[in-house]
Protein backbone atom coordinates (compact mmCIF):
# COMPACT_ATOMS: atom_id res chain seq x y z
CA MET A 1 7.45 -10.28 1.77
CA SER A 2 10.48 -8.43 0.57
CA LYS A 3 12.15 -6.34 3.26
CA GLN A 4 13.49 -4.14 0.47
CA MET A 5 9.96 -3.26 -0.68
CA GLU A 6 8.87 -2.63 2.92
CA ARG A 7 11.51 0.13 3.08
CA HIS A 8 10.71 1.50 -0.35
CA GLU A 9 8.89 4.79 -0.96
CA LEU A 10 5.35 3.75 -1.92
CA ILE A 11 4.04 7.05 -3.26
CA GLY A 12 3.90 6.87 -7.04
CA LEU A 13 3.72 3.07 -7.21
CA GLN A 14 0.69 1.09 -8.35
CA GLY A 15 -1.14 -0.91 -5.70
CA GLU A 16 -4.01 -3.38 -5.61
CA ILE A 17 -5.82 -4.72 -2.56
CA ILE A 18 -5.92 -8.50 -2.76
CA ASP A 19 -7.31 -9.27 0.72
CA ALA A 20 -8.97 -7.19 3.42
CA LYS A 21 -11.01 -7.43 6.61
CA ASN A 22 -13.66 -5.42 4.73
CA LYS A 23 -14.21 -7.57 1.65
CA LYS A 24 -15.64 -4.58 -0.28
CA LEU A 25 -12.09 -3.20 -0.49
CA ILE A 26 -10.74 -6.20 -2.42
CA GLY A 27 -9.97 -5.26 -6.00
CA ILE A 28 -9.36 -1.56 -5.41
CA LYS A 29 -6.35 -0.61 -7.49
CA GLY A 30 -4.58 2.50 -8.61
CA GLN A 31 -1.67 4.77 -7.89
CA ILE A 32 -0.60 5.36 -4.30
CA ILE A 33 -0.69 9.15 -3.93
CA ASP A 34 -0.24 9.64 -0.16
CA GLU A 35 0.86 7.77 2.93
CA THR A 36 0.51 8.50 6.64
CA GLN A 37 1.31 6.41 9.70
CA ASN A 38 -1.85 4.32 9.37
CA LEU A 39 -3.34 5.15 5.96
CA LEU A 40 -2.58 4.82 2.27
CA THR A 41 -4.44 6.94 -0.27
CA ILE A 42 -4.98 5.23 -3.59
CA LYS A 43 -6.15 7.17 -6.64
CA THR A 44 -8.53 4.93 -8.57
CA GLU A 45 -10.07 5.72 -11.96
CA THR A 46 -12.94 7.57 -10.28
CA LYS A 47 -11.66 8.97 -6.96
CA ALA A 48 -9.09 8.77 -4.18
CA LYS A 49 -9.71 6.15 -1.49
CA LYS A 50 -8.15 6.09 1.97
CA ILE A 51 -7.19 2.60 3.09
CA ILE A 52 -6.26 1.56 6.64
CA LYS A 53 -2.90 -0.20 6.33
CA ASN A 54 -3.27 -2.89 8.98
CA GLN A 55 -6.56 -4.16 7.52
CA VAL A 56 -5.34 -5.11 4.03
CA THR A 57 -2.93 -7.21 2.03
CA MET A 58 -1.69 -5.45 -1.08
CA LYS A 59 0.10 -6.22 -4.29
CA ILE A 60 2.59 -3.42 -4.99
CA ILE A 61 3.83 -3.05 -8.53
CA SER A 62 7.11 -1.25 -9.15
CA LYS A 63 8.91 -0.83 -12.47
CA THR A 64 10.87 -4.05 -12.01
CA LYS A 65 8.74 -6.34 -9.85
CA GLU A 66 5.47 -7.17 -8.16
CA THR A 67 5.40 -7.83 -4.40
CA THR A 68 2.70 -8.85 -1.95
CA ILE A 69 2.82 -6.90 1.32
CA GLU A 70 0.84 -7.28 4.52
CA GLY A 71 -0.43 -3.82 5.43
CA LYS A 72 0.47 -4.38 9.09
CA ASP A 73 4.14 -4.42 8.01
CA LEU A 74 3.72 -0.90 6.60
CA VAL A 75 2.23 0.68 9.73
CA GLY A 76 4.38 3.53 10.97
CA ARG A 77 5.56 6.87 9.76
CA PRO A 78 6.81 6.54 6.19
CA PHE A 79 10.11 8.35 6.84
CA GLU A 80 10.87 6.08 9.82
CA ARG A 81 9.99 2.91 7.89
CA ILE A 82 12.27 3.92 5.02
CA LYS A 83 15.21 4.47 7.42
CA LYS A 84 14.99 0.94 8.92
């Protein structure tokens, strides 16, 4: 995983869940619209879904690249993670 993406602001980026403890979450994709210490909110075509970070592996798509991130690496307050 890219350390640069781990420190990046995720709100506004596209995300897709590619693996999860709850297999029903796999395939959820959309725009990340909110982030807390333990949750990401993804706006899908039909509604917003709250996803527990440490239970998923995500593909994050920015303007220039696509990166796979383990959700456990994103756990923490967003402003603290960005400062690392």
